[in-house]
C-alpha atoms as a PDB file:
ATOM      1  CA  MET A   1      -9.810  57.440 -65.610  1.00  0.00           C
ATOM      2  CA  THR A   2      -6.715  58.446 -63.709  1.00  0.00           C
ATOM      3  CA  GLY A   3      -8.064  58.700 -60.200  1.00  0.00           C
ATOM      4  CA  GLN A   4      -6.038  61.829 -59.469  1.00  0.00           C
ATOM      5  CA  GLY A   5      -8.458  63.241 -56.931  1.00  0.00           C
ATOM      6  CA  SER A   6      -7.159  63.771 -53.428  1.00  0.00           C
ATOM      7  CA  ASP A   7      -9.582  61.125 -52.054  1.00  0.00           C
ATOM      8  CA  THR A   8      -8.201  58.354 -54.237  1.00  0.00           C
ATOM      9  CA  ALA A   9      -4.552  59.259 -54.843  1.00  0.00           C
ATOM     10  CA  PRO A  10      -2.098  56.825 -53.211  1.00  0.00           C
ATOM     11  CA  ASP A  11       0.095  58.064 -50.387  1.00  0.00           C
ATOM     12  CA  TRP A  12       3.318  57.845 -52.406  1.00  0.00           C
ATOM     13  CA  LEU A  13       2.011  60.295 -55.000  1.00  0.00           C
ATOM     14  CA  GLY A  14       1.588  62.976 -52.348  1.00  0.00           C
ATOM     15  CA  TRP A  15       5.332  63.272 -51.681  1.00  0.00           C
ATOM     16  CA  LEU A  16       6.552  63.134 -55.271  1.00  0.00           C
ATOM     17  CA  PRO A  17       7.425  66.396 -57.046  1.00  0.00           C
ATOM     18  CA  ARG A  18       5.125  67.297 -59.934  1.00  0.00           C
ATOM     19  CA  ARG A  19       7.894  67.624 -62.546  1.00  0.00           C
ATOM     20  CA  LEU A  20      10.701  65.156 -61.922  1.00  0.00           C
ATOM     21  CA  LEU A  21      13.860  65.225 -64.051  1.00  0.00           C
ATOM     22  CA  ALA A  22      16.299  62.304 -63.905  1.00  0.00           C
ATOM     23  CA  LEU A  23      19.581  62.886 -65.707  1.00  0.00           C
ATOM     24  CA  ASP A  24      22.966  61.380 -66.419  1.00  0.00           C
ATOM     25  CA  VAL A  25      26.154  62.421 -68.203  1.00  0.00           C
ATOM     26  CA  GLU A  26      28.931  60.389 -69.783  1.00  0.00           C
ATOM     27  CA  THR A  27      32.359  61.996 -69.734  1.00  0.00           C
ATOM     28  CA  THR A  28      35.905  61.808 -71.076  1.00  0.00           C
ATOM     29  CA  GLY A  29      37.145  60.765 -67.644  1.00  0.00           C
ATOM     30  CA  LEU A  30      36.819  61.358 -63.932  1.00  0.00           C
ATOM     31  CA  ASP A  31      39.059  64.378 -63.367  1.00  0.00           C
ATOM     32  CA  ALA A  32      38.061  68.024 -62.983  1.00  0.00           C
ATOM     33  CA  GLY A  33      39.556  68.797 -66.404  1.00  0.00           C
ATOM     34  CA  ASP A  34      37.449  66.197 -68.177  1.00  0.00           C
ATOM     35  CA  ARG A  35      34.367  67.142 -70.200  1.00  0.00           C
ATOM     36  CA  ILE A  36      30.883  65.867 -70.962  1.00  0.00           C
ATOM     37  CA  VAL A  37      30.494  63.516 -73.922  1.00  0.00           C
ATOM     38  CA  SER A  38      26.756  62.870 -73.760  1.00  0.00           C
ATOM     39  CA  PHE A  39      23.722  63.986 -71.775  1.00  0.00           C
ATOM     40  CA  GLY A  40      20.531  62.064 -71.122  1.00  0.00           C
ATOM     41  CA  ALA A  41      17.432  63.115 -69.217  1.00  0.00           C
ATOM     42  CA  VAL A  42      13.936  61.812 -68.610  1.00  0.00           C
ATOM     43  CA  LEU A  43      11.286  64.309 -67.548  1.00  0.00           C
ATOM     44  CA  LEU A  44       8.289  62.742 -65.799  1.00  0.00           C
ATOM     45  CA  ASP A  45       4.967  64.346 -64.972  1.00  0.00           C
ATOM     46  CA  THR A  46       4.415  62.321 -61.812  1.00  0.00           C
ATOM     47  CA  ALA A  47       0.639  62.837 -61.821  1.00  0.00           C
ATOM     48  CA  SER A  48       0.611  60.684 -64.954  1.00  0.00           C
ATOM     49  CA  LEU A  49       1.896  57.709 -62.940  1.00  0.00           C
ATOM     50  CA  LEU A  50      -1.767  56.992 -62.293  1.00  0.00           C
ATOM     51  CA  ASP A  51      -2.409  56.626 -66.022  1.00  0.00           C
ATOM     52  CA  SER A  52      -1.822  53.503 -68.060  1.00  0.00           C
ATOM     53  CA  ARG A  53       1.168  55.166 -69.763  1.00  0.00           C
ATOM     54  CA  PRO A  54       3.110  57.685 -67.634  1.00  0.00           C
ATOM     55  CA  LEU A  55       4.020  60.879 -69.477  1.00  0.00           C
ATOM     56  CA  LEU A  56       7.768  60.896 -70.223  1.00  0.00           C
ATOM     57  CA  THR A  57       9.805  63.355 -72.263  1.00  0.00           C
ATOM     58  CA  CYS A  58      13.314  62.187 -73.163  1.00  0.00           C
ATOM     59  CA  HIS A  59      16.380  64.246 -74.044  1.00  0.00           C
ATOM     60  CA  HIS A  60      19.532  62.664 -75.458  1.00  0.00           C
ATOM     61  CA  LEU A  61      22.448  64.747 -76.722  1.00  0.00           C
ATOM     62  CA  ILE A  62      26.057  64.149 -77.758  1.00  0.00           C
ATOM     63  CA  PHE A  63      28.859  66.726 -77.698  1.00  0.00           C
ATOM     64  CA  ASP A  64      32.394  67.307 -78.852  1.00  0.00           C
ATOM     65  CA  PRO A  65      34.213  67.376 -75.515  1.00  0.00           C
ATOM     66  CA  GLN A  66      37.151  69.122 -77.210  1.00  0.00           C
ATOM     67  CA  ARG A  67      39.555  66.536 -75.880  1.00  0.00           C
ATOM     68  CA  ALA A  68      40.069  62.800 -76.264  1.00  0.00           C
ATOM     69  CA  SER A  69      38.460  60.420 -73.809  1.00  0.00           C
ATOM     70  CA  HIS A  70      40.518  58.367 -71.405  1.00  0.00           C
ATOM     71  CA  PRO A  71      40.608  54.801 -72.805  1.00  0.00           C
ATOM     72  CA  ARG A  72      38.669  53.438 -69.834  1.00  0.00           C
ATOM     73  CA  ALA A  73      36.035  56.151 -70.197  1.00  0.00           C
ATOM     74  CA  GLU A  74      35.717  55.432 -73.923  1.00  0.00           C
ATOM     75  CA  ALA A  75      35.211  51.760 -73.110  1.00  0.00           C
ATOM     76  CA  VAL A  76      32.323  52.776 -70.845  1.00  0.00           C
ATOM     77  CA  HIS A  77      30.446  55.173 -73.141  1.00  0.00           C
ATOM     78  CA  GLY A  78      31.492  53.658 -76.482  1.00  0.00           C
ATOM     79  CA  PHE A  79      31.987  56.892 -78.475  1.00  0.00           C
ATOM     80  CA  ASP A  80      35.382  57.111 -80.159  1.00  0.00           C
ATOM     81  CA  ASP A  81      37.251  60.360 -80.666  1.00  0.00           C
ATOM     82  CA  TRP A  82      36.695  60.449 -84.434  1.00  0.00           C
ATOM     83  CA  LEU A  83      32.926  60.542 -83.945  1.00  0.00           C
ATOM     84  CA  LEU A  84      33.070  62.975 -81.030  1.00  0.00           C
ATOM     85  CA  ARG A  85      35.295  65.534 -82.719  1.00  0.00           C
ATOM     86  CA  HIS A  86      32.633  65.970 -85.423  1.00  0.00           C
ATOM     87  CA  GLN A  87      29.852  66.872 -82.967  1.00  0.00           C
ATOM     88  CA  GLU A  88      28.759  70.263 -81.662  1.00  0.00           C
ATOM     89  CA  PRO A  89      30.271  71.523 -78.396  1.00  0.00           C
ATOM     90  CA  ALA A  90      28.098  71.432 -75.301  1.00  0.00           C
ATOM     91  CA  ALA A  91      28.112  75.237 -75.122  1.00  0.00           C
ATOM     92  CA  ARG A  92      25.686  75.385 -78.054  1.00  0.00           C
ATOM     93  CA  HIS A  93      23.078  73.488 -76.056  1.00  0.00           C
ATOM     94  CA  LEU A  94      23.373  75.188 -72.676  1.00  0.00           C
ATOM     95  CA  ASP A  95      20.273  77.356 -73.191  1.00  0.00           C
ATOM     96  CA  ALA A  96      18.173  74.239 -73.755  1.00  0.00           C
ATOM     97  CA  LEU A  97      19.745  72.444 -70.804  1.00  0.00           C
ATOM     98  CA  ALA A  98      19.197  75.431 -68.530  1.00  0.00           C
ATOM     99  CA  SER A  99      15.523  75.611 -69.507  1.00  0.00           C
ATOM    100  CA  LEU A 100      15.057  71.886 -68.996  1.00  0.00           C
ATOM    101  CA  ILE A 101      16.728  71.781 -65.601  1.00  0.00           C
ATOM    102  CA  GLY A 102      15.190  75.037 -64.422  1.00  0.00           C
ATOM    103  CA  ALA A 103      11.668  73.847 -65.181  1.00  0.00           C
ATOM    104  CA  ALA A 104      11.975  70.714 -63.005  1.00  0.00           C
ATOM    105  CA  ASP A 105      10.769  70.646 -59.413  1.00  0.00           C
ATOM    106  CA  LEU A 106      13.446  68.084 -58.551  1.00  0.00           C
ATOM    107  CA  VAL A 107      16.553  66.840 -60.381  1.00  0.00           C
ATOM    108  CA  VAL A 108      17.529  63.236 -59.695  1.00  0.00           C
ATOM    109  CA  ALA A 109      20.830  61.525 -60.498  1.00  0.00           C
ATOM    110  CA  HIS A 110      22.774  58.519 -59.268  1.00  0.00           C
ATOM    111  CA  ASN A 111      25.965  59.947 -57.753  1.00  0.00           C
ATOM    112  CA  ALA A 112      24.540  63.433 -58.273  1.00  0.00           C
ATOM    113  CA  ASP A 113      27.747  65.210 -57.245  1.00  0.00           C
ATOM    114  CA  PHE A 114      29.462  63.692 -60.283  1.00  0.00           C
ATOM    115  CA  ASP A 115      26.795  64.492 -62.888  1.00  0.00           C
ATOM    116  CA  LEU A 116      25.846  67.910 -61.565  1.00  0.00           C
ATOM    117  CA  GLY A 117      29.484  68.832 -61.004  1.00  0.00           C
ATOM    118  CA  PHE A 118      30.267  68.197 -64.664  1.00  0.00           C
ATOM    119  CA  LEU A 119      27.234  70.215 -65.744  1.00  0.00           C
ATOM    120  CA  ARG A 120      28.282  73.128 -63.550  1.00  0.00           C
ATOM    121  CA  ARG A 121      31.771  73.066 -65.053  1.00  0.00           C
ATOM    122  CA  GLU A 122      30.340  73.167 -68.592  1.00  0.00           C
ATOM    123  CA  PHE A 123      28.321  76.251 -67.658  1.00  0.00           C
ATOM    124  CA  ALA A 124      31.355  77.827 -65.995  1.00  0.00           C
ATOM    125  CA  ALA A 125      33.556  77.123 -69.038  1.00  0.00           C
ATOM    126  CA  ALA A 126      31.021  79.027 -71.140  1.00  0.00           C
ATOM    127  CA  GLY A 127      31.047  81.954 -68.688  1.00  0.00           C
ATOM    128  CA  ARG A 128      27.547  81.209 -67.447  1.00  0.00           C
ATOM    129  CA  PRO A 129      26.190  80.799 -63.915  1.00  0.00           C
ATOM    130  CA  ALA A 130      25.067  77.395 -62.732  1.00  0.00           C
ATOM    131  CA  VAL A 131      21.356  76.619 -62.917  1.00  0.00           C
ATOM    132  CA  ALA A 132      19.583  76.720 -59.557  1.00  0.00           C
ATOM    133  CA  MET A 133      17.888  73.430 -58.739  1.00  0.00           C
ATOM    134  CA  ARG A 134      16.721  71.070 -56.035  1.00  0.00           C
ATOM    135  CA  SER A 135      18.592  67.795 -56.389  1.00  0.00           C
ATOM    136  CA  TYR A 136      18.343  64.277 -55.034  1.00  0.00           C
ATOM    137  CA  CYS A 137      21.066  61.639 -55.145  1.00  0.00           C
ATOM    138  CA  THR A 138      19.751  58.105 -55.431  1.00  0.00           C
ATOM    139  CA  MET A 139      23.153  56.677 -54.471  1.00  0.00           C
ATOM    140  CA  GLU A 140      23.202  58.573 -51.169  1.00  0.00           C
ATOM    141  CA  ALA A 141      19.550  57.725 -50.503  1.00  0.00           C
ATOM    142  CA  TYR A 142      20.246  54.037 -51.127  1.00  0.00           C
ATOM    143  CA  ARG A 143      23.105  54.127 -48.646  1.00  0.00           C
ATOM    144  CA  ARG A 144      20.926  55.879 -46.054  1.00  0.00           C
ATOM    145  CA  ARG A 145      18.572  52.896 -46.184  1.00  0.00           C
ATOM    146  CA  GLY A 146      21.346  50.820 -44.654  1.00  0.00           C
ATOM    147  CA  GLU A 147      21.748  48.603 -47.713  1.00  0.00           C
ATOM    148  CA  THR A 148      24.975  46.601 -47.689  1.00  0.00           C
ATOM    149  CA  GLY A 149      27.449  46.175 -50.530  1.00  0.00           C
ATOM    150  CA  SER A 150      28.130  48.452 -53.460  1.00  0.00           C
ATOM    151  CA  ALA A 151      25.865  51.453 -54.120  1.00  0.00           C
ATOM    152  CA  SER A 152      26.916  51.796 -57.772  1.00  0.00           C
ATOM    153  CA  LEU A 153      24.094  52.154 -60.269  1.00  0.00           C
ATOM    154  CA  ASP A 154      24.762  48.649 -61.617  1.00  0.00           C
ATOM    155  CA  ALA A 155      24.607  47.165 -58.127  1.00  0.00           C
ATOM    156  CA  VAL A 156      21.448  49.029 -57.151  1.00  0.00           C
ATOM    157  CA  CYS A 157      19.794  48.018 -60.411  1.00  0.00           C
ATOM    158  CA  ARG A 158      20.517  44.375 -59.661  1.00  0.00           C
ATOM    159  CA  ARG A 159      18.919  44.897 -56.248  1.00  0.00           C
ATOM    160  CA  VAL A 160      15.704  46.213 -57.826  1.00  0.00           C
ATOM    161  CA  ARG A 161      15.820  43.788 -60.789  1.00  0.00           C
ATOM    162  CA  LEU A 162      16.743  46.269 -63.501  1.00  0.00           C
ATOM    163  CA  ARG A 163      19.457  45.971 -66.120  1.00  0.00           C
ATOM    164  CA  ARG A 164      21.000  47.710 -69.103  1.00  0.00           C
ATOM    165  CA  GLU A 165      20.239  46.582 -72.628  1.00  0.00           C
ATOM    166  CA  GLY A 166      23.800  46.767 -73.965  1.00  0.00           C
ATOM    167  CA  GLU A 167      27.416  46.686 -72.847  1.00  0.00           C
ATOM    168  CA  HIS A 168      27.917  50.466 -72.828  1.00  0.00           C
ATOM    169  CA  HIS A 169      26.656  53.067 -70.377  1.00  0.00           C
ATOM    170  CA  GLY A 170      24.275  55.316 -72.302  1.00  0.00           C
ATOM    171  CA  ALA A 171      23.335  58.629 -70.703  1.00  0.00           C
ATOM    172  CA  LEU A 172      19.642  58.299 -71.557  1.00  0.00           C
ATOM    173  CA  GLU A 173      19.360  54.724 -70.318  1.00  0.00           C
ATOM    174  CA  ASP A 174      21.212  55.570 -67.111  1.00  0.00           C
ATOM    175  CA  ALA A 175      18.885  58.542 -66.558  1.00  0.00           C
ATOM    176  CA  TRP A 176      15.922  56.180 -66.892  1.00  0.00           C
ATOM    177  CA  LEU A 177      17.542  53.711 -64.501  1.00  0.00           C
ATOM    178  CA  ALA A 178      18.087  56.518 -61.969  1.00  0.00           C
ATOM    179  CA  LEU A 179      14.427  57.466 -62.349  1.00  0.00           C
ATOM    180  CA  ARG A 180      13.338  53.889 -61.682  1.00  0.00           C
ATOM    181  CA  VAL A 181      15.609  53.682 -58.624  1.00  0.00           C
ATOM    182  CA  TYR A 182      14.206  56.979 -57.312  1.00  0.00           C
ATOM    183  CA  LEU A 183      10.618  55.759 -57.676  1.00  0.00           C
ATOM    184  CA  TRP A 184      11.537  52.481 -55.942  1.00  0.00           C
ATOM    185  CA  LEU A 185      13.105  54.440 -53.067  1.00  0.00           C
ATOM    186  CA  GLN A 186       9.875  56.444 -52.744  1.00  0.00           C
ATOM    187  CA  GLY A 187       7.733  53.337 -52.578  1.00  0.00           C
ATOM    188  CA  CYS A 188       6.107  53.957 -55.955  1.00  0.00           C
ATOM    189  CA  PRO A 189       4.903  50.632 -57.411  1.00  0.00           C
ATOM    190  CA  VAL A 190       4.521  51.912 -60.987  1.00  0.00           C
ATOM    191  CA  ARG A 191       7.075  50.503 -63.428  1.00  0.00           C
ATOM    192  CA  VAL A 192       7.923  53.218 -65.933  1.00  0.00           C
ATOM    193  CA  ALA A 193       8.726  51.486 -69.208  1.00  0.00           C
ATOM    194  CA  ARG A 194      12.154  51.812 -70.762  1.00  0.00           C
ATOM    195  CA  PRO A 195      12.075  54.621 -73.366  1.00  0.00           C
ATOM    196  CA  ASP A 196      13.289  54.340 -76.934  1.00  0.00           C
ATOM    197  CA  LEU A 197      17.068  54.226 -76.584  1.00  0.00           C
ATOM    198  CA  GLY A 198      17.970  55.433 -80.035  1.00  0.00           C
ATOM    199  CA  PRO A 199      21.061  57.521 -80.802  1.00  0.00           C
ATOM    200  CA  PRO A 200      21.381  61.112 -79.586  1.00  0.00           C
ATOM    201  CA  THR A 201      18.989  63.386 -81.434  1.00  0.00           C
ATOM    202  CA  ASN A 202      21.754  65.799 -82.460  1.00  0.00           C
ATOM    203  CA  LEU A 203      24.205  63.128 -83.638  1.00  0.00           C
ATOM    204  CA  ARG A 204      26.182  64.177 -86.720  1.00  0.00           C
ATOM    205  CA  PRO A 205      27.478  61.302 -88.856  1.00  0.00           C
ATOM    206  CA  PRO A 206      31.251  61.695 -89.108  1.00  0.00           C
ATOM    207  CA  PRO A 207      33.155  61.514 -92.395  1.00  0.00           C
ATOM    208  CA  PRO A 208      34.892  58.221 -93.214  1.00  0.00           C
ATOM    209  CA  ARG A 209      37.470  57.373 -90.597  1.00  0.00           C
ATOM    210  CA  PRO A 210      41.038  57.675 -91.863  1.00  0.00           C
ATOM    211  CA  ASP A 211      43.258  54.633 -91.863  1.00  0.00           C
ATOM    212  CA  GLY A 212      45.780  54.234 -89.092  1.00  0.00           C
ATOM    213  CA  LYS A 213      46.253  56.661 -86.226  1.00  0.00           C
ATOM    214  CA  LEU A 214      43.827  59.571 -86.034  1.00  0.00           C
ATOM    215  CA  PRO A 215      45.231  62.993 -86.950  1.00  0.00           C
ATOM    216  CA  PRO A 216      45.635  65.430 -84.043  1.00  0.00           C
ATOM    217  CA  ARG A 217      42.594  67.368 -82.981  1.00  0.00           C
ATOM    218  CA  PRO A 218      42.506  70.930 -84.351  1.00  0.00           C
ATOM    219  CA  SER A 219      43.990  73.373 -81.853  1.00  0.00           C
ATOM    220  CA  GLY A 220      42.018  76.266 -80.379  1.00  0.00           C
END
């Protein structure tokens, strides 16, 4: 029994959107010319928060960014250029991403300007308009609470007793962390379990890595 009737639903459920999408991207760097390396998203039917197992749908994709990652960015996401250059470009997945984002009532991200800015640039590079959406930045919301210290995702997660499983920043795990932070900010007491953090679903195994320095990326 879910207790979803209006006479029993908790107050916090009343101000949550029905279809909540938390997302994250990992990139080749921080500049406007950098590209997306991986995309992670967790779609939550918030009515299911009253069930024993909330209904989550996860999306985890990897792309060829068509350029090498900055060394510091590669150290963060953990995907080397040999693996990335053998993946599909993001443009091949924009239809699916547009449908996913467009179907959400609210899109949540930590430092949303960063993640959504990179998504908009991928759509623009493919000659496509940006997807209309309502968005919510958990970093800005955390700062509006008057919390002191860093508002980075790592710092906020420590504040709410969350942590990553590994040393790298995975887009899917960071999307889940942003979702958990959003629910904490909304006063939701339900702890949404960490999803299966397997590899991206579209990952293509690369051929054996050549010895020594990698050959140049193909031009064009």
